[in-house]
C-alpha atoms as a PDB file:
ATOM      1  CA  MET A   1       7.864  26.030  15.705  1.00  0.00           C
ATOM      2  CA  SER A   2       7.307  23.289  13.199  1.00  0.00           C
ATOM      3  CA  ASP A   3       4.273  24.070  10.592  1.00  0.00           C
ATOM      4  CA  LYS A   4       2.607  21.226  12.404  1.00  0.00           C
ATOM      5  CA  LYS A   5       2.662  22.284  15.726  1.00  0.00           C
ATOM      6  CA  LEU A   6       1.461  25.605  14.949  1.00  0.00           C
ATOM      7  CA  THR A   7      -1.203  24.219  13.051  1.00  0.00           C
ATOM      8  CA  GLN A   8      -2.266  22.266  15.612  1.00  0.00           C
ATOM      9  CA  LYS A   9      -1.900  25.004  18.189  1.00  0.00           C
ATOM     10  CA  ASN A  10      -4.599  26.688  16.236  1.00  0.00           C
ATOM     11  CA  TRP A  11      -6.970  23.502  16.160  1.00  0.00           C
ATOM     12  CA  SER A  12     -10.484  23.308  17.890  1.00  0.00           C
ATOM     13  CA  SER A  13     -11.416  20.831  19.994  1.00  0.00           C
ATOM     14  CA  TRP A  14     -13.458  19.095  17.604  1.00  0.00           C
ATOM     15  CA  HIS A  15     -10.246  19.482  15.607  1.00  0.00           C
ATOM     16  CA  HIS A  16      -8.236  17.463  18.080  1.00  0.00           C
ATOM     17  CA  GLN A  17     -11.256  14.883  18.581  1.00  0.00           C
ATOM     18  CA  LEU A  18     -11.136  13.840  14.833  1.00  0.00           C
ATOM     19  CA  HIS A  19      -7.166  13.409  14.568  1.00  0.00           C
ATOM     20  CA  LYS A  20      -7.285  11.349  17.405  1.00  0.00           C
ATOM     21  CA  GLU A  21     -10.159   9.207  15.989  1.00  0.00           C
ATOM     22  CA  ILE A  22      -8.089   9.110  12.695  1.00  0.00           C
ATOM     23  CA  LEU A  23      -5.028   8.263  14.492  1.00  0.00           C
ATOM     24  CA  THR A  24      -6.463   5.188  16.519  1.00  0.00           C
ATOM     25  CA  LYS A  25      -8.986   3.859  13.612  1.00  0.00           C
ATOM     26  CA  LYS A  26      -6.250   3.999  10.473  1.00  0.00           C
ATOM     27  CA  ILE A  27      -9.037   2.552   8.218  1.00  0.00           C
ATOM     28  CA  PHE A  28     -11.537   5.443   9.068  1.00  0.00           C
ATOM     29  CA  LEU A  29      -9.538   7.566   6.602  1.00  0.00           C
ATOM     30  CA  PRO A  30      -6.299   6.095   5.635  1.00  0.00           C
ATOM     31  CA  LYS A  31      -3.405   8.308   4.937  1.00  0.00           C
ATOM     32  CA  GLY A  32      -3.324   9.013   1.022  1.00  0.00           C
ATOM     33  CA  SER A  33      -6.905   8.778   0.853  1.00  0.00           C
ATOM     34  CA  ASN A  34      -8.794  10.864  -2.156  1.00  0.00           C
ATOM     35  CA  ILE A  35     -11.989  12.330  -0.543  1.00  0.00           C
ATOM     36  CA  LEU A  36     -15.330  13.561  -1.813  1.00  0.00           C
ATOM     37  CA  ILE A  37     -17.042  15.601  -0.004  1.00  0.00           C
ATOM     38  CA  SER A  38     -20.902  16.589  -0.805  1.00  0.00           C
ATOM     39  CA  VAL A  39     -20.988  19.593   0.841  1.00  0.00           C
ATOM     40  CA  SER A  40     -24.636  21.640   1.147  1.00  0.00           C
ATOM     41  CA  GLY A  41     -22.923  25.544   2.116  1.00  0.00           C
ATOM     42  CA  GLY A  42     -24.565  25.137   5.609  1.00  0.00           C
ATOM     43  CA  GLN A  43     -22.936  25.040   9.015  1.00  0.00           C
ATOM     44  CA  ASP A  44     -22.398  21.409   9.643  1.00  0.00           C
ATOM     45  CA  SER A  45     -21.194  20.364   5.947  1.00  0.00           C
ATOM     46  CA  MET A  46     -19.035  23.403   6.441  1.00  0.00           C
ATOM     47  CA  ALA A  47     -17.645  22.649   9.509  1.00  0.00           C
ATOM     48  CA  LEU A  48     -16.809  19.060   8.356  1.00  0.00           C
ATOM     49  CA  LEU A  49     -15.222  20.785   4.844  1.00  0.00           C
ATOM     50  CA  SER A  50     -13.016  22.796   7.304  1.00  0.00           C
ATOM     51  CA  LEU A  51     -12.137  19.970   9.555  1.00  0.00           C
ATOM     52  CA  ILE A  52     -10.956  17.675   7.037  1.00  0.00           C
ATOM     53  CA  ASN A  53      -9.131  20.730   5.112  1.00  0.00           C
ATOM     54  CA  ASP A  54      -7.068  21.683   8.277  1.00  0.00           C
ATOM     55  CA  LEU A  55      -5.903  18.110   8.588  1.00  0.00           C
ATOM     56  CA  LYS A  56      -5.687  16.810   4.996  1.00  0.00           C
ATOM     57  CA  LYS A  57      -1.331  17.943   4.972  1.00  0.00           C
ATOM     58  CA  LEU A  58      -1.184  15.541   8.383  1.00  0.00           C
ATOM     59  CA  HIS A  59      -2.760  12.593   6.631  1.00  0.00           C
ATOM     60  CA  ASN A  60      -1.574  13.489   2.820  1.00  0.00           C
ATOM     61  CA  TRP A  61      -5.067  13.725   1.418  1.00  0.00           C
ATOM     62  CA  SER A  62      -6.664  15.006  -1.481  1.00  0.00           C
ATOM     63  CA  ILE A  63      -9.898  16.193  -1.050  1.00  0.00           C
ATOM     64  CA  SER A  64     -12.703  17.315  -3.564  1.00  0.00           C
ATOM     65  CA  VAL A  65     -16.188  18.755  -2.596  1.00  0.00           C
ATOM     66  CA  TRP A  66     -19.157  18.639  -4.914  1.00  0.00           C
ATOM     67  CA  HIS A  67     -22.621  20.629  -4.460  1.00  0.00           C
ATOM     68  CA  GLY A  68     -25.766  19.470  -5.394  1.00  0.00           C
ATOM     69  CA  ASP A  69     -28.297  22.715  -5.860  1.00  0.00           C
ATOM     70  CA  HIS A  70     -31.560  21.454  -5.237  1.00  0.00           C
ATOM     71  CA  GLN A  71     -32.967  24.801  -5.076  1.00  0.00           C
ATOM     72  CA  TRP A  72     -35.431  24.094  -1.521  1.00  0.00           C
ATOM     73  CA  HIS A  73     -35.019  27.619  -0.767  1.00  0.00           C
ATOM     74  CA  GLU A  74     -34.602  31.274  -2.004  1.00  0.00           C
ATOM     75  CA  LYS A  75     -30.777  31.144  -1.132  1.00  0.00           C
ATOM     76  CA  SER A  76     -29.668  27.955  -2.519  1.00  0.00           C
ATOM     77  CA  SER A  77     -27.617  29.508  -5.495  1.00  0.00           C
ATOM     78  CA  LEU A  78     -25.992  31.842  -3.028  1.00  0.00           C
ATOM     79  CA  TYR A  79     -25.278  29.182  -1.005  1.00  0.00           C
ATOM     80  CA  ALA A  80     -23.207  27.783  -4.336  1.00  0.00           C
ATOM     81  CA  LEU A  81     -21.330  30.406  -5.468  1.00  0.00           C
ATOM     82  CA  LYS A  82     -20.263  31.078  -1.913  1.00  0.00           C
ATOM     83  CA  LEU A  83     -19.332  27.161  -1.523  1.00  0.00           C
ATOM     84  CA  LYS A  84     -17.746  27.554  -4.811  1.00  0.00           C
ATOM     85  CA  SER A  85     -15.414  30.714  -3.873  1.00  0.00           C
ATOM     86  CA  TYR A  86     -14.632  29.116  -0.877  1.00  0.00           C
ATOM     87  CA  CYS A  87     -13.004  25.995  -2.505  1.00  0.00           C
ATOM     88  CA  GLU A  88     -11.206  28.217  -4.977  1.00  0.00           C
ATOM     89  CA  ASN A  89      -9.577  30.196  -2.350  1.00  0.00           C
ATOM     90  CA  LYS A  90      -8.339  26.822  -0.546  1.00  0.00           C
ATOM     91  CA  ASN A  91      -7.463  25.574  -3.773  1.00  0.00           C
ATOM     92  CA  ILE A  92     -10.116  22.675  -3.002  1.00  0.00           C
ATOM     93  CA  SER A  93     -11.760  21.161  -6.715  1.00  0.00           C
ATOM     94  CA  PHE A  94     -15.164  21.853  -6.828  1.00  0.00           C
ATOM     95  CA  SER A  95     -17.930  20.286  -8.960  1.00  0.00           C
ATOM     96  CA  PHE A  96     -21.757  21.088  -8.757  1.00  0.00           C
END
């Protein structure tokens, strides 16, 4: 089984929906795009980051993450450190 088919086999329904949108609307996120994602570290932005990261090889994307720690809650610094670690583990460019 090819890497592409193995990867797609492990996708959630969200992966398939986003991939379908990208294929049908080629201007949405063109192949070879450099994508900067602003990530809070919350569930929604982490889900988006995971989806984009999983699809990047198929579309030759380069992704980078920016995190702004506004210190609106007690755990904001912890979120920033966890996000930085996640990005390092996934070889994603990270800045804050």
